[in-house]
């Protein structure tokens, strides 16, 4: 599902508001520079992390926690 999203939608360059419209409220948003969406659990938590600069996505990565 996440790979489909990444292949069909260019998240880099989107504004934080556009991301919120597309993906909803992030599961974690500790700072103004990162939005994190939980994409897998219960054994290994995996998030889709979006790094923001000036309110625009500059980097997208999957992270195991």
Protein backbone atom coordinates (compact mmCIF):
# COMPACT_ATOMS: atom_id res chain seq x y z
CA UNK A 1 0.00 0.00 0.00
CA UNK A 2 2.74 2.47 0.92
CA UNK A 3 4.77 1.58 -2.16
CA UNK A 4 1.63 2.19 -4.27
CA UNK A 5 1.29 5.62 -2.69
CA UNK A 6 4.95 6.43 -3.25
CA UNK A 7 4.79 5.21 -6.86
CA UNK A 8 1.58 7.03 -7.75
CA UNK A 9 1.96 10.28 -5.81
CA UNK A 10 4.95 12.57 -5.66
CA UNK A 11 4.97 13.56 -1.99
CA UNK A 12 8.18 15.59 -2.28
CA UNK A 13 7.19 19.14 -3.12
CA UNK A 14 3.74 18.92 -1.53
CA UNK A 15 2.79 21.35 1.20
CA UNK A 16 1.95 20.10 4.69
CA UNK A 17 -1.70 21.02 4.03
CA UNK A 18 -1.74 18.93 0.83
CA UNK A 19 -0.28 15.97 2.73
CA UNK A 20 -2.92 16.35 5.45
CA UNK A 21 -5.65 16.33 2.77
CA UNK A 22 -4.21 13.21 1.16
CA UNK A 23 -3.18 11.18 4.23
CA UNK A 24 -5.13 12.75 7.10
CA UNK A 25 -3.75 13.72 10.47
CA UNK A 26 -0.26 12.30 11.10
CA UNK A 27 0.18 9.77 13.90
CA UNK A 28 3.21 11.72 15.09
CA UNK A 29 4.04 15.37 14.49
CA UNK A 30 6.55 16.25 17.16
CA UNK A 31 7.97 19.25 15.32
CA UNK A 32 7.15 21.52 12.40
CA UNK A 33 9.75 19.66 10.33
CA UNK A 34 8.46 16.07 10.46
CA UNK A 35 5.15 14.30 9.86
CA UNK A 36 5.05 10.58 10.63
CA UNK A 37 2.33 8.11 9.64
CA UNK A 38 2.17 4.67 11.23
CA UNK A 39 2.14 2.08 8.45
CA UNK A 40 2.86 -1.26 10.17
CA UNK A 41 2.57 -2.91 13.56
CA UNK A 42 2.06 -4.71 16.05
CA UNK A 43 5.44 -6.44 16.23
CA UNK A 44 7.62 -3.88 14.50
CA UNK A 45 6.43 -0.31 14.29
CA UNK A 46 7.12 1.21 10.88
CA UNK A 47 6.39 4.81 9.98
CA UNK A 48 6.34 6.82 6.79
CA UNK A 49 8.32 9.92 7.76
CA UNK A 50 8.01 13.13 5.78
CA UNK A 51 10.65 15.80 6.37
CA UNK A 52 9.48 19.39 5.87
CA UNK A 53 11.40 22.56 5.12
CA UNK A 54 9.42 25.79 5.11
CA UNK A 55 6.20 23.74 5.18
CA UNK A 56 7.09 21.70 2.06
CA UNK A 57 8.00 17.99 1.94
CA UNK A 58 11.67 17.56 1.02
CA UNK A 59 12.25 13.91 1.96
CA UNK A 60 10.14 10.74 2.37
CA UNK A 61 11.37 7.57 4.04
CA UNK A 62 10.13 4.43 5.76
CA UNK A 63 11.60 3.93 9.24
CA UNK A 64 11.64 0.86 11.47
CA UNK A 65 11.43 1.68 15.17
